[in-house]
Amino acid sequence: CKSPEGEIYYFNFTSGESVWDHPCDEYYKKLYAEEKAKWETRNVEKQLEGRRQKRFSEAGAGEDNVSTITPSGLQPLKSLQPLGRLTSRTL
């Protein structure tokens, strides 16, 4: 409906209530806020993950060279010998 001044308002013919804001405004404002919060949360998580990956690669511990990192004084393991035949015996 329009007021005599030309402003739009909403009138509920069943209840007789009239309002300036569209009846669905609150619903869509809430939905927008929820979706925006989800998007911002995902965006922050992506930024944090990017920073973690950057720190990891800057430290020289990228996936390509993980096997070359050993604490000082330690040597890589040599191949292990088989234990032999395993049997199930009761003691």
PDB file of N, CA and C in Angstrom:
ATOM      1  N   CYS A   1       0.841  -1.166   0.000  1.00  0.00           N
ATOM      2  CA  CYS A   1       0.000   0.000   0.000  1.00  0.00           C
ATOM      3  C   CYS A   1       0.895   1.242   0.000  1.00  0.00           C
ATOM      4  N   LYS A   2       0.299   2.376  -0.317  1.00  0.00           N
ATOM      5  CA  LYS A   2       1.029   3.645  -0.276  1.00  0.00           C
ATOM      6  C   LYS A   2       0.313   4.608   0.660  1.00  0.00           C
ATOM      7  N   SER A   3       1.148   5.338   1.405  1.00  0.00           N
ATOM      8  CA  SER A   3       0.593   6.374   2.285  1.00  0.00           C
ATOM      9  C   SER A   3       0.218   7.591   1.435  1.00  0.00           C
ATOM     10  N   PRO A   4      -0.530   8.528   1.987  1.00  0.00           N
ATOM     11  CA  PRO A   4      -0.863   9.745   1.235  1.00  0.00           C
ATOM     12  C   PRO A   4       0.390  10.513   0.780  1.00  0.00           C
ATOM     13  N   GLU A   5       1.513  10.321   1.486  1.00  0.00           N
ATOM     14  CA  GLU A   5       2.772  10.986   1.106  1.00  0.00           C
ATOM     15  C   GLU A   5       3.536  10.190   0.055  1.00  0.00           C
ATOM     16  N   GLY A   6       3.015   9.037  -0.348  1.00  0.00           N
ATOM     17  CA  GLY A   6       3.656   8.215  -1.372  1.00  0.00           C
ATOM     18  C   GLY A   6       4.623   7.172  -0.832  1.00  0.00           C
ATOM     19  N   GLU A   7       4.717   7.028   0.465  1.00  0.00           N
ATOM     20  CA  GLU A   7       5.610   6.037   1.059  1.00  0.00           C
ATOM     21  C   GLU A   7       4.923   4.672   1.089  1.00  0.00           C
ATOM     22  N   ILE A   8       5.708   3.652   0.822  1.00  0.00           N
ATOM     23  CA  ILE A   8       5.162   2.287   0.784  1.00  0.00           C
ATOM     24  C   ILE A   8       5.120   1.717   2.199  1.00  0.00           C
ATOM     25  N   TYR A   9       4.025   1.055   2.521  1.00  0.00           N
ATOM     26  CA  TYR A   9       3.903   0.313   3.769  1.00  0.00           C
ATOM     27  C   TYR A   9       3.178  -0.993   3.466  1.00  0.00           C
ATOM     28  N   TYR A  10       3.256  -1.889   4.424  1.00  0.00           N
ATOM     29  CA  TYR A  10       2.685  -3.223   4.243  1.00  0.00           C
ATOM     30  C   TYR A  10       1.517  -3.399   5.207  1.00  0.00           C
ATOM     31  N   PHE A  11       0.426  -3.866   4.657  1.00  0.00           N
ATOM     32  CA  PHE A  11      -0.796  -4.027   5.428  1.00  0.00           C
ATOM     33  C   PHE A  11      -1.239  -5.480   5.372  1.00  0.00           C
ATOM     34  N   ASN A  12      -1.470  -6.062   6.544  1.00  0.00           N
ATOM     35  CA  ASN A  12      -1.956  -7.431   6.636  1.00  0.00           C
ATOM     36  C   ASN A  12      -3.477  -7.358   6.769  1.00  0.00           C
ATOM     37  N   PHE A  13      -4.168  -7.794   5.721  1.00  0.00           N
ATOM     38  CA  PHE A  13      -5.629  -7.690   5.710  1.00  0.00           C
ATOM     39  C   PHE A  13      -6.284  -8.639   6.717  1.00  0.00           C
ATOM     40  N   THR A  14      -5.607  -9.726   7.064  1.00  0.00           N
ATOM     41  CA  THR A  14      -6.159 -10.666   8.034  1.00  0.00           C
ATOM     42  C   THR A  14      -6.102 -10.106   9.448  1.00  0.00           C
ATOM     43  N   SER A  15      -4.923  -9.582   9.837  1.00  0.00           N
ATOM     44  CA  SER A  15      -4.759  -9.099  11.211  1.00  0.00           C
ATOM     45  C   SER A  15      -5.035  -7.602  11.356  1.00  0.00           C
ATOM     46  N   GLY A  16      -5.047  -6.876  10.236  1.00  0.00           N
ATOM     47  CA  GLY A  16      -5.249  -5.436  10.288  1.00  0.00           C
ATOM     48  C   GLY A  16      -3.997  -4.666  10.660  1.00  0.00           C
ATOM     49  N   GLU A  17      -2.867  -5.355  10.747  1.00  0.00           N
ATOM     50  CA  GLU A  17      -1.600  -4.728  11.134  1.00  0.00           C
ATOM     51  C   GLU A  17      -0.941  -4.081   9.920  1.00  0.00           C
ATOM     52  N   SER A  18      -0.359  -2.908  10.118  1.00  0.00           N
ATOM     53  CA  SER A  18       0.411  -2.279   9.049  1.00  0.00           C
ATOM     54  C   SER A  18       1.813  -1.980   9.568  1.00  0.00           C
ATOM     55  N   VAL A  19       2.810  -2.192   8.711  1.00  0.00           N
ATOM     56  CA  VAL A  19       4.220  -1.981   9.078  1.00  0.00           C
ATOM     57  C   VAL A  19       4.947  -1.314   7.921  1.00  0.00           C
ATOM     58  N   TRP A  20       6.012  -0.588   8.255  1.00  0.00           N
ATOM     59  CA  TRP A  20       6.812   0.071   7.216  1.00  0.00           C
ATOM     60  C   TRP A  20       7.784  -0.907   6.567  1.00  0.00           C
ATOM     61  N   ASP A  21       8.333  -1.827   7.342  1.00  0.00           N
ATOM     62  CA  ASP A  21       9.289  -2.805   6.811  1.00  0.00           C
ATOM     63  C   ASP A  21       8.542  -4.001   6.249  1.00  0.00           C
ATOM     64  N   HIS A  22       9.118  -4.591   5.204  1.00  0.00           N
ATOM     65  CA  HIS A  22       8.508  -5.787   4.622  1.00  0.00           C
ATOM     66  C   HIS A  22       8.454  -6.882   5.680  1.00  0.00           C
ATOM     67  N   PRO A  23       7.376  -7.648   5.726  1.00  0.00           N
ATOM     68  CA  PRO A  23       7.240  -8.694   6.753  1.00  0.00           C
ATOM     69  C   PRO A  23       8.361  -9.729   6.744  1.00  0.00           C
ATOM     70  N   CYS A  24       9.018  -9.939   5.629  1.00  0.00           N
ATOM     71  CA  CYS A  24      10.092 -10.939   5.550  1.00  0.00           C
ATOM     72  C   CYS A  24      11.480 -10.342   5.811  1.00  0.00           C
ATOM     73  N   ASP A  25      11.568  -9.025   6.040  1.00  0.00           N
ATOM     74  CA  ASP A  25      12.871  -8.386   6.235  1.00  0.00           C
ATOM     75  C   ASP A  25      13.688  -9.022   7.347  1.00  0.00           C
ATOM     76  N   GLU A  26      13.101  -9.238   8.492  1.00  0.00           N
ATOM     77  CA  GLU A  26      13.841  -9.808   9.626  1.00  0.00           C
ATOM     78  C   GLU A  26      14.389 -11.189   9.299  1.00  0.00           C
ATOM     79  N   TYR A  27      13.573 -12.005   8.639  1.00  0.00           N
ATOM     80  CA  TYR A  27      14.011 -13.347   8.279  1.00  0.00           C
ATOM     81  C   TYR A  27      15.241 -13.279   7.382  1.00  0.00           C
ATOM     82  N   TYR A  28      15.193 -12.448   6.339  1.00  0.00           N
ATOM     83  CA  TYR A  28      16.299 -12.383   5.391  1.00  0.00           C
ATOM     84  C   TYR A  28      17.517 -11.663   5.963  1.00  0.00           C
ATOM     85  N   LYS A  29      17.313 -10.719   6.864  1.00  0.00           N
ATOM     86  CA  LYS A  29      18.449 -10.093   7.540  1.00  0.00           C
ATOM     87  C   LYS A  29      19.184 -11.123   8.396  1.00  0.00           C
ATOM     88  N   LYS A  30      18.420 -11.947   9.095  1.00  0.00           N
ATOM     89  CA  LYS A  30      19.023 -12.992   9.935  1.00  0.00           C
ATOM     90  C   LYS A  30      19.749 -14.024   9.058  1.00  0.00           C
ATOM     91  N   LEU A  31      19.108 -14.443   7.978  1.00  0.00           N
ATOM     92  CA  LEU A  31      19.730 -15.406   7.067  1.00  0.00           C
ATOM     93  C   LEU A  31      21.016 -14.839   6.484  1.00  0.00           C
ATOM     94  N   TYR A  32      20.996 -13.586   6.078  1.00  0.00           N
ATOM     95  CA  TYR A  32      22.186 -12.931   5.538  1.00  0.00           C
ATOM     96  C   TYR A  32      23.313 -12.912   6.573  1.00  0.00           C
ATOM     97  N   ALA A  33      22.982 -12.540   7.812  1.00  0.00           N
ATOM     98  CA  ALA A  33      23.992 -12.477   8.866  1.00  0.00           C
ATOM     99  C   ALA A  33      24.604 -13.852   9.123  1.00  0.00           C
ATOM    100  N   GLU A  34      23.782 -14.905   9.129  1.00  0.00           N
ATOM    101  CA  GLU A  34      24.286 -16.264   9.352  1.00  0.00           C
ATOM    102  C   GLU A  34      25.215 -16.697   8.225  1.00  0.00           C
ATOM    103  N   GLU A  35      24.808 -16.455   6.979  1.00  0.00           N
ATOM    104  CA  GLU A  35      25.639 -16.845   5.841  1.00  0.00           C
ATOM    105  C   GLU A  35      26.925 -16.039   5.788  1.00  0.00           C
ATOM    106  N   LYS A  36      26.850 -14.770   6.128  1.00  0.00           N
ATOM    107  CA  LYS A  36      28.049 -13.922   6.149  1.00  0.00           C
ATOM    108  C   LYS A  36      29.021 -14.431   7.208  1.00  0.00           C
ATOM    109  N   ALA A  37      28.507 -14.804   8.368  1.00  0.00           N
ATOM    110  CA  ALA A  37      29.360 -15.335   9.440  1.00  0.00           C
ATOM    111  C   ALA A  37      30.031 -16.633   9.000  1.00  0.00           C
ATOM    112  N   LYS A  38      29.288 -17.509   8.310  1.00  0.00           N
ATOM    113  CA  LYS A  38      29.877 -18.756   7.801  1.00  0.00           C
ATOM    114  C   LYS A  38      30.996 -18.451   6.817  1.00  0.00           C
ATOM    115  N   TRP A  39      30.737 -17.522   5.904  1.00  0.00           N
ATOM    116  CA  TRP A  39      31.730 -17.164   4.895  1.00  0.00           C
ATOM    117  C   TRP A  39      32.981 -16.587   5.550  1.00  0.00           C
ATOM    118  N   GLU A  40      32.793 -15.701   6.523  1.00  0.00           N
ATOM    119  CA  GLU A  40      33.928 -15.096   7.206  1.00  0.00           C
ATOM    120  C   GLU A  40      34.724 -16.144   7.970  1.00  0.00           C
ATOM    121  N   THR A  41      34.037 -17.097   8.585  1.00  0.00           N
ATOM    122  CA  THR A  41      34.720 -18.165   9.311  1.00  0.00           C
ATOM    123  C   THR A  41      35.559 -19.007   8.359  1.00  0.00           C
ATOM    124  N   ARG A  42      34.971 -19.381   7.211  1.00  0.00           N
ATOM    125  CA  ARG A  42      35.736 -20.154   6.222  1.00  0.00           C
ATOM    126  C   ARG A  42      36.922 -19.351   5.715  1.00  0.00           C
ATOM    127  N   ASN A  43      36.727 -18.066   5.486  1.00  0.00           N
ATOM    128  CA  ASN A  43      37.796 -17.221   4.985  1.00  0.00           C
ATOM    129  C   ASN A  43      38.939 -17.130   5.997  1.00  0.00           C
ATOM    130  N   VAL A  44      38.613 -16.974   7.272  1.00  0.00           N
ATOM    131  CA  VAL A  44      39.635 -16.906   8.315  1.00  0.00           C
ATOM    132  C   VAL A  44      40.379 -18.234   8.397  1.00  0.00           C
ATOM    133  N   GLU A  45      39.651 -19.351   8.321  1.00  0.00           N
ATOM    134  CA  GLU A  45      40.294 -20.669   8.378  1.00  0.00           C
ATOM    135  C   GLU A  45      41.251 -20.856   7.208  1.00  0.00           C
ATOM    136  N   LYS A  46      40.855 -20.407   6.013  1.00  0.00           N
ATOM    137  CA  LYS A  46      41.735 -20.509   4.850  1.00  0.00           C
ATOM    138  C   LYS A  46      42.985 -19.659   5.035  1.00  0.00           C
ATOM    139  N   GLN A  47      42.822 -18.469   5.581  1.00  0.00           N
ATOM    140  CA  GLN A  47      43.972 -17.604   5.811  1.00  0.00           C
ATOM    141  C   GLN A  47      44.924 -18.233   6.818  1.00  0.00           C
ATOM    142  N   LEU A  48      44.379 -18.799   7.901  1.00  0.00           N
ATOM    143  CA  LEU A  48      45.223 -19.447   8.901  1.00  0.00           C
ATOM    144  C   LEU A  48      45.960 -20.643   8.315  1.00  0.00           C
ATOM    145  N   GLU A  49      45.273 -21.435   7.499  1.00  0.00           N
ATOM    146  CA  GLU A  49      45.902 -22.591   6.878  1.00  0.00           C
ATOM    147  C   GLU A  49      47.022 -22.145   5.940  1.00  0.00           C
ATOM    148  N   GLY A  50      46.781 -21.070   5.192  1.00  0.00           N
ATOM    149  CA  GLY A  50      47.814 -20.536   4.308  1.00  0.00           C
ATOM    150  C   GLY A  50      49.041 -20.079   5.081  1.00  0.00           C
ATOM    151  N   ARG A  51      48.819 -19.441   6.236  1.00  0.00           N
ATOM    152  CA  ARG A  51      49.946 -19.005   7.070  1.00  0.00           C
ATOM    153  C   ARG A  51      50.713 -20.194   7.617  1.00  0.00           C
ATOM    154  N   ARG A  52      49.982 -21.249   8.033  1.00  0.00           N
ATOM    155  CA  ARG A  52      50.653 -22.448   8.552  1.00  0.00           C
ATOM    156  C   ARG A  52      51.519 -23.079   7.472  1.00  0.00           C
ATOM    157  N   GLN A  53      50.960 -23.190   6.271  1.00  0.00           N
ATOM    158  CA  GLN A  53      51.721 -23.788   5.178  1.00  0.00           C
ATOM    159  C   GLN A  53      52.930 -22.936   4.830  1.00  0.00           C
ATOM    160  N   LYS A  54      52.782 -21.620   4.869  1.00  0.00           N
ATOM    161  CA  LYS A  54      53.891 -20.728   4.559  1.00  0.00           C
ATOM    162  C   LYS A  54      54.994 -20.897   5.591  1.00  0.00           C
ATOM    163  N   ARG A  55      54.636 -20.917   6.874  1.00  0.00           N
ATOM    164  CA  ARG A  55      55.636 -21.108   7.931  1.00  0.00           C
ATOM    165  C   ARG A  55      56.335 -22.448   7.780  1.00  0.00           C
ATOM    166  N   PHE A  56      55.564 -23.476   7.458  1.00  0.00           N
ATOM    167  CA  PHE A  56      56.117 -24.817   7.307  1.00  0.00           C
ATOM    168  C   PHE A  56      57.131 -24.839   6.167  1.00  0.00           C
ATOM    169  N   SER A  57      56.779 -24.223   5.036  1.00  0.00           N
ATOM    170  CA  SER A  57      57.692 -24.235   3.893  1.00  0.00           C
ATOM    171  C   SER A  57      58.885 -23.326   4.137  1.00  0.00           C
ATOM    172  N   GLU A  58      58.701 -22.198   4.854  1.00  0.00           N
ATOM    173  CA  GLU A  58      59.822 -21.314   5.162  1.00  0.00           C
ATOM    174  C   GLU A  58      60.809 -21.982   6.102  1.00  0.00           C
ATOM    175  N   ALA A  59      60.319 -22.877   6.933  1.00  0.00           N
ATOM    176  CA  ALA A  59      61.193 -23.578   7.870  1.00  0.00           C
ATOM    177  C   ALA A  59      61.986 -24.677   7.182  1.00  0.00           C
ATOM    178  N   GLY A  60      61.737 -24.894   5.901  1.00  0.00           N
ATOM    179  CA  GLY A  60      62.462 -25.932   5.168  1.00  0.00           C
ATOM    180  C   GLY A  60      61.952 -27.319   5.439  1.00  0.00           C
ATOM    181  N   ALA A  61      60.733 -27.414   5.902  1.00  0.00           N
ATOM    182  CA  ALA A  61      60.180 -28.720   6.245  1.00  0.00           C
ATOM    183  C   ALA A  61      59.007 -29.050   5.343  1.00  0.00           C
ATOM    184  N   GLY A  62      59.125 -28.713   4.081  1.00  0.00           N
ATOM    185  CA  GLY A  62      58.067 -29.034   3.140  1.00  0.00           C
ATOM    186  C   GLY A  62      57.957 -30.523   2.926  1.00  0.00           C
ATOM    187  N   GLU A  63      56.900 -30.964   2.296  1.00  0.00           N
ATOM    188  CA  GLU A  63      56.679 -32.400   2.093  1.00  0.00           C
ATOM    189  C   GLU A  63      57.795 -33.036   1.271  1.00  0.00           C
ATOM    190  N   ASP A  64      58.421 -32.269   0.381  1.00  0.00           N
ATOM    191  CA  ASP A  64      59.452 -32.828  -0.481  1.00  0.00           C
ATOM    192  C   ASP A  64      60.712 -33.213   0.284  1.00  0.00           C
ATOM    193  N   ASN A  65      61.003 -32.528   1.375  1.00  0.00           N
ATOM    194  CA  ASN A  65      62.254 -32.806   2.062  1.00  0.00           C
ATOM    195  C   ASN A  65      62.061 -33.277   3.504  1.00  0.00           C
ATOM    196  N   VAL A  66      60.912 -33.798   3.845  1.00  0.00           N
ATOM    197  CA  VAL A  66      60.660 -34.283   5.200  1.00  0.00           C
ATOM    198  C   VAL A  66      61.604 -35.437   5.535  1.00  0.00           C
ATOM    199  N   SER A  67      61.888 -36.322   4.589  1.00  0.00           N
ATOM    200  CA  SER A  67      62.720 -37.488   4.875  1.00  0.00           C
ATOM    201  C   SER A  67      64.165 -37.112   5.138  1.00  0.00           C
ATOM    202  N   THR A  68      64.614 -35.919   4.746  1.00  0.00           N
ATOM    203  CA  THR A  68      66.004 -35.530   4.954  1.00  0.00           C
ATOM    204  C   THR A  68      66.231 -34.867   6.305  1.00  0.00           C
ATOM    205  N   ILE A  69      65.170 -34.588   7.041  1.00  0.00           N
ATOM    206  CA  ILE A  69      65.317 -33.921   8.324  1.00  0.00           C
ATOM    207  C   ILE A  69      65.593 -34.972   9.391  1.00  0.00           C
ATOM    208  N   THR A  70      66.762 -34.859  10.016  1.00  0.00           N
ATOM    209  CA  THR A  70      67.086 -35.754  11.132  1.00  0.00           C
ATOM    210  C   THR A  70      67.732 -34.911  12.217  1.00  0.00           C
ATOM    211  N   PRO A  71      67.458 -35.199  13.473  1.00  0.00           N
ATOM    212  CA  PRO A  71      68.122 -34.465  14.547  1.00  0.00           C
ATOM    213  C   PRO A  71      69.631 -34.666  14.462  1.00  0.00           C
ATOM    214  N   SER A  72      70.404 -33.690  14.907  1.00  0.00           N
ATOM    215  CA  SER A  72      71.862 -33.785  14.813  1.00  0.00           C
ATOM    216  C   SER A  72      72.366 -34.996  15.588  1.00  0.00           C
ATOM    217  N   GLY A  73      73.323 -35.681  14.981  1.00  0.00           N
ATOM    218  CA  GLY A  73      73.931 -36.841  15.618  1.00  0.00           C
ATOM    219  C   GLY A  73      73.214 -38.145  15.346  1.00  0.00           C
ATOM    220  N   LEU A  74      72.054 -38.130  14.719  1.00  0.00           N
ATOM    221  CA  LEU A  74      71.331 -39.362  14.425  1.00  0.00           C
ATOM    222  C   LEU A  74      71.493 -39.724  12.961  1.00  0.00           C
ATOM    223  N   GLN A  75      71.496 -40.985  12.699  1.00  0.00           N
ATOM    224  CA  GLN A  75      71.600 -41.481  11.337  1.00  0.00           C
ATOM    225  C   GLN A  75      70.270 -42.114  10.939  1.00  0.00           C
ATOM    226  N   PRO A  76      69.944 -42.116   9.649  1.00  0.00           N
ATOM    227  CA  PRO A  76      68.721 -42.794   9.209  1.00  0.00           C
ATOM    228  C   PRO A  76      68.787 -44.286   9.536  1.00  0.00           C
ATOM    229  N   LEU A  77      67.654 -44.913   9.739  1.00  0.00           N
ATOM    230  CA  LEU A  77      67.599 -46.348  10.013  1.00  0.00           C
ATOM    231  C   LEU A  77      68.065 -47.146   8.819  1.00  0.00           C
ATOM    232  N   LYS A  78      68.783 -48.236   9.096  1.00  0.00           N
ATOM    233  CA  LYS A  78      69.143 -49.164   8.036  1.00  0.00           C
ATOM    234  C   LYS A  78      67.970 -50.109   7.854  1.00  0.00           C
ATOM    235  N   SER A  79      67.974 -50.846   6.770  1.00  0.00           N
ATOM    236  CA  SER A  79      66.859 -51.757   6.547  1.00  0.00           C
ATOM    237  C   SER A  79      66.834 -52.816   7.650  1.00  0.00           C
ATOM    238  N   LEU A  80      65.665 -53.186   8.080  1.00  0.00           N
ATOM    239  CA  LEU A  80      65.496 -54.148   9.159  1.00  0.00           C
ATOM    240  C   LEU A  80      65.485 -55.565   8.607  1.00  0.00           C
ATOM    241  N   GLN A  81      66.007 -56.478   9.386  1.00  0.00           N
ATOM    242  CA  GLN A  81      66.008 -57.880   9.019  1.00  0.00           C
ATOM    243  C   GLN A  81      64.696 -58.514   9.464  1.00  0.00           C
ATOM    244  N   PRO A  82      64.192 -59.503   8.710  1.00  0.00           N
ATOM    245  CA  PRO A  82      62.964 -60.172   9.127  1.00  0.00           C
ATOM    246  C   PRO A  82      63.163 -60.888  10.454  1.00  0.00           C
ATOM    247  N   LEU A  83      62.091 -61.008  11.218  1.00  0.00           N
ATOM    248  CA  LEU A  83      62.152 -61.670  12.517  1.00  0.00           C
ATOM    249  C   LEU A  83      62.245 -63.183  12.394  1.00  0.00           C
ATOM    250  N   GLY A  84      61.908 -63.675  11.281  1.00  0.00           N
ATOM    251  CA  GLY A  84      61.879 -65.111  11.118  1.00  0.00           C
ATOM    252  C   GLY A  84      60.462 -65.607  11.073  1.00  0.00           C
ATOM    253  N   ARG A  85      60.323 -66.888  11.200  1.00  0.00           N
ATOM    254  CA  ARG A  85      59.007 -67.503  11.083  1.00  0.00           C
ATOM    255  C   ARG A  85      58.219 -67.297  12.373  1.00  0.00           C
ATOM    256  N   LEU A  86      56.996 -66.825  12.208  1.00  0.00           N
ATOM    257  CA  LEU A  86      56.130 -66.652  13.354  1.00  0.00           C
ATOM    258  C   LEU A  86      55.170 -67.842  13.440  1.00  0.00           C
ATOM    259  N   THR A  87      55.084 -68.438  14.601  1.00  0.00           N
ATOM    260  CA  THR A  87      54.143 -69.542  14.798  1.00  0.00           C
ATOM    261  C   THR A  87      53.327 -69.254  16.031  1.00  0.00           C
ATOM    262  N   SER A  88      52.186 -69.863  16.087  1.00  0.00           N
ATOM    263  CA  SER A  88      51.384 -69.689  17.292  1.00  0.00           C
ATOM    264  C   SER A  88      51.537 -70.927  18.150  1.00  0.00           C
ATOM    265  N   ARG A  89      52.176 -70.753  19.249  1.00  0.00           N
ATOM    266  CA  ARG A  89      52.339 -71.860  20.196  1.00  0.00           C
ATOM    267  C   ARG A  89      51.774 -71.434  21.525  1.00  0.00           C
ATOM    268  N   THR A  90      51.203 -72.355  22.234  1.00  0.00           N
ATOM    269  CA  THR A  90      50.714 -72.043  23.576  1.00  0.00           C
ATOM    270  C   THR A  90      51.808 -72.338  24.564  1.00  0.00           C
ATOM    271  N   LEU A  91      51.925 -71.514  25.544  1.00  0.00           N
ATOM    272  CA  LEU A  91      52.954 -71.682  26.553  1.00  0.00           C
ATOM    273  C   LEU A  91      52.468 -72.474  27.729  1.00  0.00           C
TER     274      LEU A  91
END
